[in-house]
Amino acid sequence: MHTKVGNLSDLRFNLETWRRELRFHYDEMDTFQEKLEETVTKEIGQDAQKAIENFQNRILIEKDAISKLKHRIRSKMRDLTGENHLHNGQGSLREDMRTYIKMHYDLKEEMMDFFSEYLK
């Protein structure tokens, strides 16, 4: 029984951590969107404008992914009161979070490189 309570505690901790991280990333995407809008006001070439449009599309995709992950986390939190909570897709959610986080940091790095080039 102690192991089950410990596993529940670990799962709750993971879910709360992921939820906070996703909230931060969502807000961060708003900040990046603002920076992209600032970049548009500068005299930039067509390639840079295409890159901005690409980044804006990727921000929309990322925000959608964040919303879906947050929904899954809320569902998992509700499931914690049920009996099938320990084996009900935690591994899948964990892998999806890993994939999302990699995607987020790849996008963030690309955008930071872009900003350092165009926001001099």
N, C-alpha and C. Protein backbone atom coordinates (compact mmCIF):
# COMPACT_ATOMS: atom_id res chain seq x y z
N MET A 1 0.82 -1.19 0.00
CA MET A 1 0.00 0.00 0.00
C MET A 1 0.87 1.26 0.00
N HIS A 2 2.00 1.21 0.72
CA HIS A 2 2.88 2.38 0.77
C HIS A 2 3.43 2.70 -0.62
N THR A 3 3.76 1.67 -1.40
CA THR A 3 4.28 1.87 -2.75
C THR A 3 3.23 2.56 -3.62
N LYS A 4 1.97 2.15 -3.48
CA LYS A 4 0.89 2.73 -4.27
C LYS A 4 0.73 4.21 -3.94
N VAL A 5 0.79 4.57 -2.66
CA VAL A 5 0.68 5.98 -2.25
C VAL A 5 1.88 6.76 -2.76
N GLY A 6 3.07 6.17 -2.70
CA GLY A 6 4.27 6.82 -3.22
C GLY A 6 4.17 7.06 -4.71
N ASN A 7 3.67 6.06 -5.44
CA ASN A 7 3.50 6.21 -6.89
C ASN A 7 2.50 7.31 -7.21
N LEU A 8 1.42 7.38 -6.43
CA LEU A 8 0.43 8.44 -6.64
C LEU A 8 1.03 9.81 -6.38
N SER A 9 1.84 9.90 -5.34
CA SER A 9 2.49 11.15 -5.01
C SER A 9 3.45 11.57 -6.13
N ASP A 10 4.22 10.62 -6.65
CA ASP A 10 5.13 10.90 -7.76
C ASP A 10 4.37 11.33 -9.01
N LEU A 11 3.28 10.64 -9.29
CA LEU A 11 2.48 10.96 -10.46
C LEU A 11 1.89 12.37 -10.33
N ARG A 12 1.34 12.68 -9.17
CA ARG A 12 0.78 14.02 -8.93
C ARG A 12 1.86 15.09 -9.10
N PHE A 13 3.04 14.83 -8.56
CA PHE A 13 4.16 15.77 -8.70
C PHE A 13 4.51 15.98 -10.17
N ASN A 14 4.62 14.89 -10.93
CA ASN A 14 4.94 15.00 -12.36
C ASN A 14 3.88 15.81 -13.10
N LEU A 15 2.62 15.52 -12.83
CA LEU A 15 1.54 16.21 -13.51
C LEU A 15 1.53 17.70 -13.19
N GLU A 16 1.71 18.03 -11.93
CA GLU A 16 1.75 19.45 -11.53
C GLU A 16 2.95 20.17 -12.15
N THR A 17 4.09 19.51 -12.18
CA THR A 17 5.29 20.09 -12.78
C THR A 17 5.07 20.33 -14.27
N TRP A 18 4.53 19.35 -14.96
CA TRP A 18 4.27 19.49 -16.38
C TRP A 18 3.27 20.61 -16.66
N ARG A 19 2.25 20.70 -15.83
CA ARG A 19 1.23 21.73 -16.01
C ARG A 19 1.85 23.13 -15.87
N ARG A 20 2.69 23.31 -14.85
CA ARG A 20 3.36 24.61 -14.68
C ARG A 20 4.29 24.91 -15.86
N GLU A 21 5.01 23.91 -16.30
CA GLU A 21 5.93 24.10 -17.41
C GLU A 21 5.18 24.47 -18.69
N LEU A 22 4.08 23.81 -18.95
CA LEU A 22 3.28 24.12 -20.13
C LEU A 22 2.70 25.53 -20.06
N ARG A 23 2.27 25.93 -18.89
CA ARG A 23 1.75 27.30 -18.71
C ARG A 23 2.84 28.32 -19.04
N PHE A 24 4.05 28.07 -18.54
CA PHE A 24 5.18 28.95 -18.83
C PHE A 24 5.48 29.00 -20.32
N HIS A 25 5.50 27.84 -20.97
CA HIS A 25 5.81 27.79 -22.40
C HIS A 25 4.74 28.51 -23.22
N TYR A 26 3.49 28.39 -22.81
CA TYR A 26 2.41 29.09 -23.52
C TYR A 26 2.64 30.60 -23.45
N ASP A 27 2.95 31.08 -22.26
CA ASP A 27 3.23 32.52 -22.09
C ASP A 27 4.47 32.93 -22.88
N GLU A 28 5.45 32.06 -22.90
CA GLU A 28 6.68 32.34 -23.63
C GLU A 28 6.40 32.47 -25.13
N MET A 29 5.49 31.67 -25.65
CA MET A 29 5.13 31.76 -27.06
C MET A 29 4.48 33.11 -27.36
N ASP A 30 3.70 33.65 -26.41
CA ASP A 30 3.14 34.99 -26.57
C ASP A 30 4.25 36.03 -26.67
N THR A 31 5.27 35.88 -25.84
CA THR A 31 6.41 36.80 -25.87
C THR A 31 7.14 36.71 -27.20
N PHE A 32 7.35 35.51 -27.69
CA PHE A 32 8.01 35.34 -28.99
C PHE A 32 7.16 35.93 -30.11
N GLN A 33 5.86 35.79 -30.02
CA GLN A 33 4.97 36.37 -31.03
C GLN A 33 5.13 37.89 -31.05
N GLU A 34 5.21 38.49 -29.88
CA GLU A 34 5.42 39.94 -29.79
C GLU A 34 6.74 40.35 -30.43
N LYS A 35 7.78 39.57 -30.20
CA LYS A 35 9.09 39.85 -30.79
C LYS A 35 9.04 39.72 -32.31
N LEU A 36 8.30 38.73 -32.80
CA LEU A 36 8.16 38.58 -34.24
C LEU A 36 7.45 39.81 -34.83
N GLU A 37 6.43 40.28 -34.14
CA GLU A 37 5.72 41.48 -34.61
C GLU A 37 6.63 42.69 -34.60
N GLU A 38 7.52 42.77 -33.63
CA GLU A 38 8.51 43.85 -33.59
C GLU A 38 9.46 43.75 -34.78
N THR A 39 9.84 42.54 -35.13
CA THR A 39 10.76 42.32 -36.25
C THR A 39 10.12 42.73 -37.57
N VAL A 40 8.82 42.51 -37.71
CA VAL A 40 8.11 42.85 -38.95
C VAL A 40 8.20 44.35 -39.23
N THR A 41 8.28 45.16 -38.18
CA THR A 41 8.32 46.62 -38.37
C THR A 41 9.67 47.10 -38.91
N LYS A 42 10.66 46.26 -38.88
CA LYS A 42 11.99 46.63 -39.38
C LYS A 42 12.08 46.30 -40.87
N GLU A 43 13.02 46.94 -41.51
CA GLU A 43 13.24 46.64 -42.92
C GLU A 43 14.02 45.33 -43.03
N ILE A 44 13.32 44.32 -43.45
CA ILE A 44 13.92 42.99 -43.58
C ILE A 44 13.59 42.46 -44.97
N GLY A 45 14.35 41.50 -45.39
CA GLY A 45 14.14 40.93 -46.71
C GLY A 45 13.00 39.93 -46.74
N GLN A 46 12.75 39.45 -47.92
CA GLN A 46 11.67 38.49 -48.13
C GLN A 46 11.94 37.17 -47.41
N ASP A 47 13.20 36.76 -47.36
CA ASP A 47 13.53 35.52 -46.66
C ASP A 47 13.18 35.63 -45.18
N ALA A 48 13.48 36.77 -44.59
CA ALA A 48 13.16 36.98 -43.17
C ALA A 48 11.66 37.00 -42.96
N GLN A 49 10.92 37.60 -43.89
CA GLN A 49 9.47 37.63 -43.77
C GLN A 49 8.88 36.22 -43.84
N LYS A 50 9.45 35.40 -44.71
CA LYS A 50 9.01 33.99 -44.79
C LYS A 50 9.33 33.25 -43.50
N ALA A 51 10.50 33.54 -42.94
CA ALA A 51 10.86 32.90 -41.67
C ALA A 51 9.90 33.32 -40.57
N ILE A 52 9.52 34.59 -40.54
CA ILE A 52 8.57 35.06 -39.54
C ILE A 52 7.23 34.34 -39.67
N GLU A 53 6.76 34.22 -40.90
CA GLU A 53 5.50 33.50 -41.12
C GLU A 53 5.61 32.05 -40.67
N ASN A 54 6.74 31.43 -40.96
CA ASN A 54 6.98 30.05 -40.53
C ASN A 54 6.96 29.96 -39.01
N PHE A 55 7.65 30.88 -38.34
CA PHE A 55 7.65 30.88 -36.87
C PHE A 55 6.25 31.10 -36.31
N GLN A 56 5.49 31.99 -36.91
CA GLN A 56 4.14 32.24 -36.43
C GLN A 56 3.28 30.98 -36.55
N ASN A 57 3.43 30.26 -37.65
CA ASN A 57 2.70 29.00 -37.82
C ASN A 57 3.12 27.98 -36.78
N ARG A 58 4.41 27.91 -36.53
CA ARG A 58 4.92 26.95 -35.54
C ARG A 58 4.46 27.31 -34.13
N ILE A 59 4.34 28.61 -33.85
CA ILE A 59 3.81 29.04 -32.55
C ILE A 59 2.37 28.56 -32.40
N LEU A 60 1.57 28.71 -33.44
CA LEU A 60 0.18 28.23 -33.39
C LEU A 60 0.12 26.73 -33.16
N ILE A 61 0.98 26.00 -33.85
CA ILE A 61 1.03 24.54 -33.69
C ILE A 61 1.45 24.19 -32.26
N GLU A 62 2.44 24.91 -31.75
CA GLU A 62 2.90 24.62 -30.40
C GLU A 62 1.83 24.93 -29.36
N LYS A 63 1.14 26.06 -29.52
CA LYS A 63 0.08 26.40 -28.58
C LYS A 63 -1.03 25.35 -28.60
N ASP A 64 -1.32 24.82 -29.78
CA ASP A 64 -2.32 23.75 -29.88
C ASP A 64 -1.83 22.50 -29.15
N ALA A 65 -0.56 22.16 -29.33
CA ALA A 65 0.00 21.00 -28.64
C ALA A 65 -0.04 21.21 -27.12
N ILE A 66 0.27 22.41 -26.68
CA ILE A 66 0.22 22.73 -25.25
C ILE A 66 -1.19 22.53 -24.72
N SER A 67 -2.18 23.05 -25.44
CA SER A 67 -3.57 22.92 -25.01
C SER A 67 -3.98 21.46 -24.88
N LYS A 68 -3.58 20.66 -25.86
CA LYS A 68 -3.93 19.23 -25.82
C LYS A 68 -3.24 18.52 -24.66
N LEU A 69 -1.97 18.84 -24.42
CA LEU A 69 -1.26 18.21 -23.30
C LEU A 69 -1.86 18.63 -21.96
N LYS A 70 -2.21 19.91 -21.83
CA LYS A 70 -2.84 20.38 -20.59
C LYS A 70 -4.17 19.67 -20.35
N HIS A 71 -4.92 19.45 -21.41
CA HIS A 71 -6.18 18.72 -21.28
C HIS A 71 -5.93 17.29 -20.80
N ARG A 72 -4.93 16.65 -21.38
CA ARG A 72 -4.61 15.28 -20.96
C ARG A 72 -4.16 15.24 -19.51
N ILE A 73 -3.42 16.26 -19.09
CA ILE A 73 -2.96 16.32 -17.70
C ILE A 73 -4.16 16.50 -16.77
N ARG A 74 -5.09 17.39 -17.14
CA ARG A 74 -6.29 17.57 -16.31
C ARG A 74 -7.07 16.27 -16.20
N SER A 75 -7.19 15.55 -17.31
CA SER A 75 -7.90 14.27 -17.30
C SER A 75 -7.20 13.27 -16.38
N LYS A 76 -5.88 13.25 -16.46
CA LYS A 76 -5.11 12.33 -15.62
C LYS A 76 -5.28 12.69 -14.15
N MET A 77 -5.31 13.99 -13.85
CA MET A 77 -5.50 14.41 -12.45
C MET A 77 -6.87 13.95 -11.95
N ARG A 78 -7.89 14.05 -12.79
CA ARG A 78 -9.23 13.56 -12.40
C ARG A 78 -9.21 12.06 -12.21
N ASP A 79 -8.44 11.36 -13.04
CA ASP A 79 -8.37 9.90 -12.94
C ASP A 79 -7.70 9.42 -11.66
N LEU A 80 -6.94 10.28 -11.01
CA LEU A 80 -6.24 9.86 -9.80
C LEU A 80 -7.19 9.41 -8.70
N THR A 81 -8.43 9.85 -8.77
CA THR A 81 -9.41 9.43 -7.77
C THR A 81 -9.98 8.05 -8.09
N GLY A 82 -9.76 7.56 -9.32
CA GLY A 82 -10.23 6.24 -9.72
C GLY A 82 -9.23 5.16 -9.37
N GLU A 83 -9.54 3.95 -9.75
CA GLU A 83 -8.69 2.81 -9.41
C GLU A 83 -7.64 2.50 -10.48
N ASN A 84 -7.86 2.89 -11.70
CA ASN A 84 -6.96 2.51 -12.80
C ASN A 84 -5.95 3.60 -13.12
N HIS A 85 -5.64 4.43 -12.18
CA HIS A 85 -4.81 5.59 -12.42
C HIS A 85 -3.34 5.28 -12.67
N LEU A 86 -2.80 4.24 -12.10
CA LEU A 86 -1.36 4.02 -12.21
C LEU A 86 -0.92 3.51 -13.58
N HIS A 87 -1.78 2.78 -14.24
CA HIS A 87 -1.37 2.18 -15.52
C HIS A 87 -2.18 2.73 -16.67
N ASN A 88 -2.77 3.88 -16.49
CA ASN A 88 -3.66 4.44 -17.49
C ASN A 88 -2.95 5.49 -18.35
N GLY A 89 -1.93 5.08 -19.09
CA GLY A 89 -1.32 5.96 -20.07
C GLY A 89 -0.27 6.91 -19.56
N GLN A 90 0.26 6.74 -18.35
CA GLN A 90 1.27 7.66 -17.86
C GLN A 90 2.51 7.62 -18.75
N GLY A 91 2.91 6.43 -19.17
CA GLY A 91 4.07 6.31 -20.04
C GLY A 91 3.89 7.07 -21.33
N SER A 92 2.73 6.99 -21.91
CA SER A 92 2.45 7.69 -23.15
C SER A 92 2.49 9.20 -22.94
N LEU A 93 1.91 9.68 -21.88
CA LEU A 93 1.94 11.11 -21.58
C LEU A 93 3.37 11.57 -21.33
N ARG A 94 4.13 10.77 -20.62
CA ARG A 94 5.53 11.11 -20.35
C ARG A 94 6.31 11.24 -21.66
N GLU A 95 6.13 10.29 -22.57
CA GLU A 95 6.82 10.34 -23.86
C GLU A 95 6.36 11.53 -24.68
N ASP A 96 5.07 11.81 -24.65
CA ASP A 96 4.56 12.97 -25.38
C ASP A 96 5.11 14.27 -24.80
N MET A 97 5.28 14.35 -23.50
CA MET A 97 5.88 15.53 -22.89
C MET A 97 7.34 15.66 -23.30
N ARG A 98 8.06 14.56 -23.33
CA ARG A 98 9.47 14.60 -23.77
C ARG A 98 9.57 15.10 -25.20
N THR A 99 8.71 14.58 -26.06
CA THR A 99 8.71 15.00 -27.47
C THR A 99 8.37 16.48 -27.57
N TYR A 100 7.34 16.90 -26.85
CA TYR A 100 6.94 18.30 -26.87
C TYR A 100 8.08 19.21 -26.40
N ILE A 101 8.71 18.86 -25.29
CA ILE A 101 9.77 19.70 -24.73
C ILE A 101 10.94 19.83 -25.72
N LYS A 102 11.28 18.74 -26.38
CA LYS A 102 12.33 18.82 -27.41
C LYS A 102 11.89 19.76 -28.53
N MET A 103 10.66 19.62 -28.99
CA MET A 103 10.14 20.50 -30.03
C MET A 103 10.19 21.96 -29.59
N HIS A 104 9.79 22.21 -28.35
CA HIS A 104 9.77 23.58 -27.82
C HIS A 104 11.17 24.19 -27.82
N TYR A 105 12.12 23.47 -27.29
CA TYR A 105 13.46 24.03 -27.19
C TYR A 105 14.15 24.15 -28.55
N ASP A 106 13.82 23.27 -29.49
CA ASP A 106 14.34 23.43 -30.86
C ASP A 106 13.80 24.72 -31.47
N LEU A 107 12.51 24.95 -31.34
CA LEU A 107 11.89 26.17 -31.86
C LEU A 107 12.45 27.39 -31.17
N LYS A 108 12.58 27.33 -29.87
CA LYS A 108 13.10 28.46 -29.11
C LYS A 108 14.51 28.82 -29.57
N GLU A 109 15.35 27.83 -29.76
CA GLU A 109 16.73 28.07 -30.20
C GLU A 109 16.76 28.70 -31.59
N GLU A 110 15.93 28.19 -32.49
CA GLU A 110 15.87 28.76 -33.84
C GLU A 110 15.40 30.22 -33.79
N MET A 111 14.41 30.49 -32.97
CA MET A 111 13.89 31.85 -32.88
C MET A 111 14.91 32.79 -32.25
N MET A 112 15.61 32.33 -31.25
CA MET A 112 16.64 33.17 -30.62
C MET A 112 17.74 33.51 -31.63
N ASP A 113 18.13 32.53 -32.45
CA ASP A 113 19.11 32.80 -33.51
C ASP A 113 18.58 33.83 -34.50
N PHE A 114 17.32 33.68 -34.88
CA PHE A 114 16.70 34.63 -35.80
C PHE A 114 16.67 36.03 -35.20
N PHE A 115 16.26 36.15 -33.94
CA PHE A 115 16.19 37.46 -33.30
C PHE A 115 17.58 38.10 -33.19
N SER A 116 18.58 37.31 -32.87
CA SER A 116 19.92 37.88 -32.75
C SER A 116 20.41 38.41 -34.10
N GLU A 117 19.92 37.83 -35.18
CA GLU A 117 20.31 38.30 -36.51
C GLU A 117 19.53 39.54 -36.94
N TYR A 118 18.25 39.59 -36.64
CA TYR A 118 17.39 40.65 -37.17
C TYR A 118 17.03 41.75 -36.18
N LEU A 119 17.30 41.56 -34.91
CA LEU A 119 16.98 42.61 -33.92
C LEU A 119 18.26 43.23 -33.36
N LYS A 120 19.17 43.54 -34.22
CA LYS A 120 20.46 44.12 -33.80
C LYS A 120 20.28 45.58 -33.48
